[in-house]
Each structure stands twice: as structure tokens, then as C-alpha cells.
Amino acid sequence: MTLDSHSAERPHVSGSGSPKPAIVIVARGESPELSDGQEKFISHTDFWLTDGNLILIAGDTAFRVYQGLLTRNSAVFADMFATAAADVTEMFDGCPVVRLPQVHPDDLRDFLQYLMPCSELRLRDGLPVSDFSELHAAIHLAHKYQCSSVETRALSVLKQYYTPHFVEYTRYSTSRPRMLRPPRDVAITAVNIARLTDTPSVLPFALYRVCTLEDQMKYRYRRRDGSVEHLSADDFRLCVGSRDTLAKVMEVLVDAVFNTRPSSRCKIAEQCMRALRDIFDNVELNALYECDVLDSYEDAIANWAAGFKLCRICEKAMLARELAQRRRVWKLLPGVFGMTVEECGFTTGAESSW
């Protein structure tokens, strides 16, 4: 059987009139002699279950899994076996063979890991974590094969970082998340995933992250199979247009946080006034035309306070203003990209969807 992952129609099952060459599946490192017309595949180290009753082939790798588990969770596989069980053209060790010619073996592994975990888990603080490429593969294959359970679970991990909740955004590094912090440039792919799966809560923050790429917004995410994906023309235009809006929001934030007078409780107002002016001049110069309005100034404020001799009272007041302004901007984010707070489920409080 051949399952074309790019086809939107029912998977094609090869007819018995054109049988494929016999296949040989061996463990990695083995080099058997092949007869004319035979094909060799390598059994996956983790996903080769000796009591499995279905073999999937992706690239040069064979996966022996459970047909019942796959068909129970995937509408595409269920339909394929329901309509073509009597038309199997390839077998190996008593198992039907399904070829996935346009699927990278690492992508299939990541999809199967969510469905029937067999690979060793990557742990951090005792909890399993994934990286973005693993989630990307699992979500795309789950969507192609209509496996809603895998898609929902993988999306729940993705939404820990591309979150609609300000509190979760600010606490990501310390909240034991299940996804390693992704590079900024994969936000382009996060936008595409949100569009593909109709997940509007991911869009505002993912689109914002794209805007902060500046001249790299045309970046193309290279998949494991060598294909590339990029922003749609509509989303590219949306991000280009939104950069000016974000730059103006940044001007307002910088003015509100840094262009102020000393606290009413300050004991060294003259010294702090000089420090505040120096800090504002420094920030204003570096923030001009920038879009990364949600990036925290917390560490920078601590350094500036020490360097410019700002008192602790004025430093705390500045930190409070900075947090309040970023919370305000968070609530504005959906509107920047033509959406509503309600549509995206955006909050600035302690609500959580994890």
C-alpha cells in the first residue's frame, strides 16, 4: 500500500496487478545480500515492536506498530484499512506494509511518539520536554492523518509558549514548560500551524514574534525532508503593516516607563532625576523603530540602576511601570493583527489554559 500524505483524497492502495518488489527489513548495521528486485529497509530502533501487526515505511526506515491503535486514532488509516483490507499487495513477516513516500522517518517517529511512546523521553526537571521540530512534525502528520488526539495534545504543548495569557508568557522560563524555548524565527511556522489547525489563540503572539524578525520575515523553515515553508502572502503583508504599529506602541511604552520624575518617596531626588534622564536617553536611542515591545527590561533596569546610581525606590517604581505597560500592550496585541481579545482568548491576569 502507498499512502500519499499530500493527497486530499482517499489514500490509494496499489492493485494486485502490479505487485511491488519483495522487501527486506534488517536491523541497523546489517548488510544482507539482496536478490534482484529486492529493497532493503532499516528497522527503527525504538518503533519495531515484535508483536506489531502493521509495518509503515518512511524513507529507508521501517516501523512495526499496532494496526488497531493506529486505525482507532486516525480516520485516514481507518478508512484505508476498511476499504482496502482485501487488496494488500505487500507483506513482511505476516504484516501488511504501508508506504509513506513523502514522510521523513524522523517526522513519523515524532508523530508515533505521541501516539504510542516508545523512544526514550527527554527530561528536564523530571518532566518530558519536546523541541519545536518534534511538535511541528507531530502536528502536521496528525492533521494529515486526521488524528485529533495527537493534534490536540501536541498543540497543547505548543500553546504553552505561543500563549494567549500574559502571566504564562512572563513565567515561561520558570514554569517547567513541556517545550524547550524555540528560536525566534520558527514563529513563521507557528503562524502556519495556527492557520492549519484553526487555533486563533496562537496567532497574536506568533505574529508578533514574526514582526520582531525585521528583515528576516521572509525566512523559510526548512523541514527534515528538504521542503520549505514560509508565511502566506496575506500574513506577510499583515506583519509588514503591523511593524509600524508596534514601533509606535514601543515609543509610548518607553516614554511611560522611562521619561518620568523620581518617586515621591525618593530621598535623593536630584541624583535620581539625573539618572532617570540618562536612562531615558539610552533607552530612547536604542528603541527607535524597534518592534520587540514585549521583551522585558527587568535585567536592563537593574544594570542601569546600578550604573547610573538610581535609588532602590525609584528602581522599583520603574519596574512596576514597565510591567504595567507590557501588560497593557499584551491586551492590545490581538487588535494589532485585526483580531479581538475575545476571539483569541487573550488575558492579562492569572487565568490558565494549560
Protein backbone atom coordinates (compact mmCIF):
# COMPACT_ATOMS: atom_id res chain seq x y z
CA MET A 1 0.00 0.00 0.00
CA THR A 2 1.11 3.54 -0.69
CA LEU A 3 -0.25 6.42 1.37
CA ASP A 4 0.41 9.77 -0.27
CA SER A 5 0.48 12.30 2.57
CA HIS A 6 -0.01 15.20 0.14
CA SER A 7 -3.26 13.85 -1.28
CA ALA A 8 -6.55 15.25 -0.01
CA GLU A 9 -8.43 12.25 -1.39
CA ARG A 10 -8.78 8.73 -0.05
CA PRO A 11 -5.34 7.02 0.07
CA HIS A 12 -4.54 4.95 -2.99
CA VAL A 13 -3.96 1.24 -2.47
CA SER A 14 -1.90 -0.48 -5.14
CA GLY A 15 -3.79 -3.04 -7.21
CA SER A 16 -2.79 -6.69 -7.26
CA GLY A 17 -1.98 -6.46 -10.97
CA SER A 18 1.26 -4.57 -10.33
CA PRO A 19 2.99 -6.15 -7.32
CA LYS A 20 5.97 -4.32 -5.85
CA PRO A 21 9.38 -5.97 -5.42
CA ALA A 22 9.92 -8.00 -2.27
CA ILE A 23 11.35 -6.08 0.66
CA VAL A 24 13.96 -6.97 3.23
CA ILE A 25 13.95 -5.30 6.65
CA VAL A 26 17.05 -5.56 8.79
CA ALA A 27 18.45 -4.01 11.94
CA ARG A 28 20.79 -1.06 11.55
CA GLY A 29 24.31 -2.20 10.65
CA GLU A 30 23.26 -5.42 8.94
CA SER A 31 24.15 -5.84 5.25
CA PRO A 32 22.36 -8.83 3.76
CA GLU A 33 22.77 -9.91 0.16
CA LEU A 34 19.78 -8.87 -1.89
CA SER A 35 18.24 -10.70 -4.83
CA ASP A 36 17.32 -8.86 -8.00
CA GLY A 37 14.42 -6.50 -7.39
CA GLN A 38 14.60 -6.64 -3.61
CA GLU A 39 14.59 -3.46 -1.49
CA LYS A 40 16.31 -3.11 1.87
CA PHE A 41 14.90 -1.08 4.76
CA ILE A 42 16.24 -0.49 8.27
CA SER A 43 14.01 -1.26 11.23
CA HIS A 44 13.58 1.70 13.56
CA THR A 45 15.47 1.19 16.80
CA ASP A 46 12.51 2.10 19.03
CA PHE A 47 9.44 1.61 16.88
CA TRP A 48 9.96 -2.01 15.89
CA LEU A 49 7.53 -3.88 18.11
CA THR A 50 7.99 -7.62 17.77
CA ASP A 51 4.27 -8.26 18.27
CA GLY A 52 3.24 -5.41 15.98
CA ASN A 53 0.96 -6.28 13.07
CA LEU A 54 1.48 -3.35 10.68
CA ILE A 55 4.65 -2.03 9.02
CA LEU A 56 4.98 1.59 7.97
CA ILE A 57 7.83 2.60 5.68
CA ALA A 58 9.14 6.18 5.55
CA GLY A 59 12.32 6.86 3.63
CA ASP A 60 14.67 3.97 4.27
CA THR A 61 13.17 3.19 7.69
CA ALA A 62 10.55 0.62 8.69
CA PHE A 63 8.28 0.96 11.74
CA ARG A 64 6.42 -2.08 13.10
CA VAL A 65 3.41 -0.87 15.08
CA TYR A 66 -0.11 -1.83 16.08
CA GLN A 67 -2.70 -1.51 13.34
CA GLY A 68 -5.61 -1.38 15.78
CA LEU A 69 -4.13 1.53 17.73
CA LEU A 70 -3.38 3.45 14.54
CA THR A 71 -6.79 2.91 12.92
CA ARG A 72 -8.58 3.71 16.18
CA ASN A 73 -6.92 7.12 16.36
CA SER A 74 -6.53 8.03 12.67
CA ALA A 75 -9.55 8.45 10.43
CA VAL A 76 -7.33 8.23 7.34
CA PHE A 77 -5.79 4.90 8.31
CA ALA A 78 -9.15 3.58 9.49
CA ASP A 79 -10.69 4.40 6.11
CA MET A 80 -7.78 2.88 4.23
CA PHE A 81 -8.00 -0.47 6.00
CA ALA A 82 -11.78 -0.53 5.98
CA THR A 83 -11.93 -0.19 2.20
CA ALA A 84 -8.77 -2.00 1.11
CA ALA A 85 -8.07 -4.80 3.55
CA ALA A 86 -8.52 -7.39 0.82
CA ASP A 87 -6.18 -5.62 -1.60
CA VAL A 88 -2.90 -5.83 0.27
CA THR A 89 -0.03 -6.11 -2.19
CA GLU A 90 2.98 -6.12 0.14
CA MET A 91 3.57 -8.20 3.22
CA PHE A 92 6.55 -8.74 5.50
CA ASP A 93 6.66 -11.33 8.26
CA GLY A 94 2.90 -11.68 8.08
CA CYS A 95 2.27 -7.92 8.38
CA PRO A 96 0.77 -5.64 5.72
CA VAL A 97 3.17 -2.92 4.58
CA VAL A 98 2.09 0.69 4.09
CA ARG A 99 4.48 3.04 2.33
CA LEU A 100 4.52 6.72 3.24
CA PRO A 101 6.64 8.03 0.35
CA GLN A 102 6.54 11.72 1.27
CA VAL A 103 7.11 11.41 5.02
CA HIS A 104 10.52 11.83 6.65
CA PRO A 105 11.29 8.98 9.08
CA ASP A 106 12.08 11.41 11.90
CA ASP A 107 8.71 13.10 11.40
CA LEU A 108 6.93 9.74 11.57
CA ARG A 109 8.84 8.89 14.74
CA ASP A 110 7.71 12.15 16.38
CA PHE A 111 4.09 11.52 15.37
CA LEU A 112 4.18 7.94 16.67
CA GLN A 113 5.86 9.06 19.89
CA TYR A 114 2.70 10.99 20.75
CA LEU A 115 0.50 8.06 19.78
CA MET A 116 2.44 5.15 21.28
CA PRO A 117 5.59 6.43 23.06
CA CYS A 118 8.48 4.05 22.57
CA SER A 119 11.51 6.34 22.30
CA GLU A 120 13.36 7.45 25.42
CA LEU A 121 11.90 10.67 26.78
CA ARG A 122 13.95 13.83 27.03
CA LEU A 123 13.54 15.04 30.61
CA ARG A 124 14.01 18.40 32.29
CA ASP A 125 13.34 18.69 36.00
CA GLY A 126 11.88 15.20 35.81
CA LEU A 127 9.27 16.11 33.18
CA PRO A 128 9.29 15.22 29.46
CA VAL A 129 10.00 18.08 27.06
CA SER A 130 9.87 18.42 23.27
CA ASP A 131 11.58 20.80 20.88
CA PHE A 132 9.77 22.74 18.20
CA SER A 133 10.73 20.45 15.31
CA GLU A 134 9.18 17.47 17.11
CA LEU A 135 5.92 19.31 17.72
CA HIS A 136 5.88 20.62 14.16
CA ALA A 137 6.15 17.08 12.78
CA ALA A 138 3.60 15.60 15.17
CA ILE A 139 1.02 18.30 14.47
CA HIS A 140 1.40 18.21 10.69
CA LEU A 141 1.15 14.43 10.42
CA ALA A 142 -1.70 14.31 12.93
CA HIS A 143 -3.57 16.83 10.81
CA LYS A 144 -2.86 14.95 7.56
CA TYR A 145 -3.97 11.63 9.00
CA GLN A 146 -6.90 13.14 10.92
CA CYS A 147 -5.57 12.00 14.27
CA SER A 148 -7.25 14.50 16.57
CA SER A 149 -5.89 13.08 19.82
CA VAL A 150 -2.27 13.64 18.76
CA GLU A 151 -3.03 17.04 17.24
CA THR A 152 -4.76 18.24 20.41
CA ARG A 153 -2.01 17.04 22.73
CA ALA A 154 0.83 18.44 20.62
CA LEU A 155 -0.97 21.78 20.23
CA SER A 156 -1.43 22.00 24.00
CA VAL A 157 2.36 21.90 24.35
CA LEU A 158 2.89 24.46 21.58
CA LYS A 159 0.40 26.79 23.28
CA GLN A 160 2.48 26.87 26.42
CA TYR A 161 4.89 29.17 24.61
CA TYR A 162 2.60 30.74 21.99
CA THR A 163 0.15 31.53 24.74
CA PRO A 164 -2.78 33.97 25.00
CA HIS A 165 -2.07 34.51 28.71
CA PHE A 166 0.32 37.25 29.82
CA VAL A 167 1.15 35.57 33.11
CA GLU A 168 2.15 32.36 31.34
CA TYR A 169 4.26 34.38 28.90
CA THR A 170 6.16 36.15 31.69
CA ARG A 171 6.70 32.95 33.69
CA TYR A 172 7.58 30.61 30.82
CA SER A 173 11.21 30.03 31.79
CA THR A 174 10.38 29.15 35.39
CA SER A 175 7.10 27.26 34.95
CA ARG A 176 8.55 23.87 33.91
CA PRO A 177 7.18 24.07 30.33
CA ARG A 178 6.94 20.98 28.14
CA MET A 179 8.59 22.63 25.12
CA LEU A 180 12.15 23.88 25.00
CA ARG A 181 12.19 27.62 24.29
CA PRO A 182 12.02 27.86 20.49
CA PRO A 183 14.21 30.12 18.35
CA ARG A 184 12.53 33.39 17.40
CA ASP A 185 12.49 32.58 13.68
CA VAL A 186 10.27 29.48 13.99
CA ALA A 187 7.39 31.85 14.75
CA ILE A 188 6.73 31.83 11.00
CA THR A 189 5.94 28.13 11.22
CA ALA A 190 3.89 28.64 14.40
CA VAL A 191 1.70 31.07 12.44
CA ASN A 192 1.23 28.45 9.71
CA ILE A 193 0.34 25.79 12.28
CA ALA A 194 -2.24 28.12 13.82
CA ARG A 195 -3.80 28.69 10.40
CA LEU A 196 -3.70 25.00 9.51
CA THR A 197 -5.35 23.86 12.75
CA ASP A 198 -7.66 26.86 13.24
CA THR A 199 -6.06 27.80 16.57
CA PRO A 200 -6.56 31.59 16.87
CA SER A 201 -5.12 31.80 20.39
CA VAL A 202 -1.64 31.11 18.97
CA LEU A 203 -1.77 33.80 16.28
CA PRO A 204 -1.24 37.18 18.05
CA PHE A 205 1.96 36.24 19.88
CA ALA A 206 3.29 34.18 16.94
CA LEU A 207 2.63 37.06 14.51
CA TYR A 208 4.25 39.47 16.98
CA ARG A 209 7.35 37.28 17.08
CA VAL A 210 7.47 37.30 13.28
CA CYS A 211 7.38 41.11 13.32
CA THR A 212 10.46 41.18 15.56
CA LEU A 213 12.43 39.29 12.90
CA GLU A 214 12.74 42.56 10.94
CA ASP A 215 14.37 41.80 7.56
CA GLN A 216 14.21 38.06 8.26
CA MET A 217 10.41 37.89 7.91
CA LYS A 218 10.88 36.15 4.57
CA TYR A 219 12.72 33.36 6.38
CA ARG A 220 11.78 29.89 5.21
CA TYR A 221 11.51 27.00 7.63
CA ARG A 222 13.32 24.02 6.17
CA ARG A 223 11.69 20.73 7.02
CA ARG A 224 13.59 17.50 7.50
CA ASP A 225 12.61 16.27 4.04
CA GLY A 226 14.22 19.33 2.45
CA SER A 227 10.95 21.12 1.63
CA VAL A 228 10.43 24.65 2.90
CA GLU A 229 7.52 26.65 4.20
CA HIS A 230 7.09 30.37 4.65
CA LEU A 231 4.40 32.87 5.55
CA SER A 232 1.41 33.16 3.28
CA ALA A 233 1.27 36.35 1.23
CA ASP A 234 -1.59 37.64 3.41
CA ASP A 235 0.26 37.01 6.67
CA PHE A 236 3.46 38.54 5.29
CA ARG A 237 1.59 41.72 4.37
CA LEU A 238 -0.10 41.69 7.79
CA CYS A 239 3.25 41.55 9.58
CA VAL A 240 4.84 44.22 7.38
CA GLY A 241 1.94 46.57 8.08
CA SER A 242 1.93 45.80 11.80
CA ARG A 243 5.59 46.67 12.33
CA ASP A 244 4.84 50.41 12.17
CA THR A 245 2.06 50.00 14.72
CA LEU A 246 4.31 48.09 17.09
CA ALA A 247 7.07 50.68 16.71
CA LYS A 248 4.62 53.42 17.76
CA VAL A 249 3.47 51.29 20.71
CA MET A 250 7.14 50.96 21.68
CA GLU A 251 7.51 54.77 21.69
CA VAL A 252 4.56 55.09 24.08
CA LEU A 253 5.91 52.36 26.36
CA VAL A 254 9.41 53.85 26.54
CA ASP A 255 8.01 57.30 27.33
CA ALA A 256 5.64 55.97 30.02
CA VAL A 257 8.27 53.80 31.73
CA PHE A 258 11.44 55.88 31.48
CA ASN A 259 10.54 59.54 30.86
CA THR A 260 9.42 60.25 34.42
CA ARG A 261 10.37 62.05 37.59
CA PRO A 262 11.69 60.43 40.79
CA SER A 263 9.26 58.68 43.11
CA SER A 264 7.52 60.83 45.68
CA ARG A 265 9.23 58.70 48.31
CA CYS A 266 12.73 59.19 46.84
CA LYS A 267 15.31 60.54 49.33
CA ILE A 268 17.87 61.63 46.71
CA ALA A 269 15.61 63.20 44.10
CA GLU A 270 18.28 65.34 42.40
CA GLN A 271 20.61 62.38 41.86
CA CYS A 272 17.77 60.13 40.66
CA MET A 273 16.50 62.83 38.29
CA ARG A 274 19.89 62.85 36.55
CA ALA A 275 19.89 59.04 36.49
CA LEU A 276 16.38 58.90 35.02
CA ARG A 277 17.32 61.33 32.26
CA ASP A 278 20.42 59.32 31.36
CA ILE A 279 18.46 56.05 31.35
CA PHE A 280 15.71 57.54 29.18
CA ASP A 281 18.23 58.90 26.66
CA ASN A 282 19.87 55.47 26.50
CA VAL A 283 16.61 53.58 26.02
CA GLU A 284 15.06 56.04 23.56
CA LEU A 285 18.06 55.86 21.25
CA ASN A 286 18.15 52.06 21.17
CA ALA A 287 14.38 51.53 20.97
CA LEU A 288 13.83 53.76 17.93
CA TYR A 289 11.83 51.87 15.24
CA GLU A 290 12.05 48.63 17.23
CA CYS A 291 9.10 46.21 17.49
CA ASP A 292 10.07 43.92 20.38
CA VAL A 293 7.76 45.79 22.71
CA LEU A 294 7.00 42.76 24.90
CA ASP A 295 10.62 41.91 25.69
CA SER A 296 11.26 42.52 29.37
CA TYR A 297 13.52 45.37 30.53
CA GLU A 298 13.84 43.86 34.00
CA ASP A 299 17.52 42.87 33.79
CA ALA A 300 18.44 46.03 31.91
CA ILE A 301 16.75 48.21 34.53
CA ALA A 302 18.78 46.53 37.27
CA ASN A 303 22.00 47.21 35.35
CA TRP A 304 21.07 50.82 34.57
CA ALA A 305 20.02 51.48 38.15
CA ALA A 306 23.42 50.33 39.36
CA GLY A 307 25.37 52.12 36.63
CA PHE A 308 23.52 55.44 36.85
CA LYS A 309 23.07 55.29 40.66
CA LEU A 310 19.28 55.21 40.71
CA CYS A 311 17.92 54.61 44.21
CA ARG A 312 16.10 51.38 45.02
CA ILE A 313 12.76 53.16 45.49
CA CYS A 314 12.90 54.70 42.00
CA GLU A 315 14.14 51.42 40.53
CA LYS A 316 11.14 49.54 41.96
CA ALA A 317 8.79 52.20 40.62
CA MET A 318 10.34 51.83 37.18
CA LEU A 319 9.97 48.06 37.28
CA ALA A 320 6.29 48.42 38.25
CA ARG A 321 5.68 50.83 35.36
CA GLU A 322 7.44 48.51 32.93
CA LEU A 323 5.33 45.52 33.93
CA ALA A 324 2.11 47.52 33.76
CA GLN A 325 2.97 48.79 30.28
CA ARG A 326 3.80 45.33 28.95
CA ARG A 327 0.51 44.04 30.38
CA ARG A 328 -1.28 46.89 28.58
CA VAL A 329 0.49 46.06 25.30
CA TRP A 330 -0.42 42.38 25.65
CA LYS A 331 -4.11 43.28 25.65
CA LEU A 332 -3.55 45.38 22.51
CA LEU A 333 -1.82 42.59 20.60
CA PRO A 334 -4.86 40.87 19.01
CA GLY A 335 -6.11 44.24 17.71
CA VAL A 336 -2.74 44.97 16.10
CA PHE A 337 -3.33 41.93 13.88
CA GLY A 338 -7.02 42.52 13.20
CA MET A 339 -8.45 40.18 15.85
CA THR A 340 -10.31 40.64 19.11
CA VAL A 341 -9.26 39.77 22.65
CA GLU A 342 -12.32 37.52 22.97
CA GLU A 343 -11.62 35.72 19.68
CA CYS A 344 -8.09 34.82 20.78
CA GLY A 345 -8.84 34.28 24.47
CA PHE A 346 -6.21 36.85 25.49
CA THR A 347 -5.91 37.61 29.21
CA THR A 348 -3.58 39.67 31.37
CA GLY A 349 -4.44 38.00 34.67
CA ALA A 350 -3.71 34.60 36.18
CA GLU A 351 -6.07 32.52 34.03
CA SER A 352 -4.56 29.41 32.53
CA SER A 353 -5.48 27.04 29.70
CA TRP A 354 -2.69 24.54 30.25
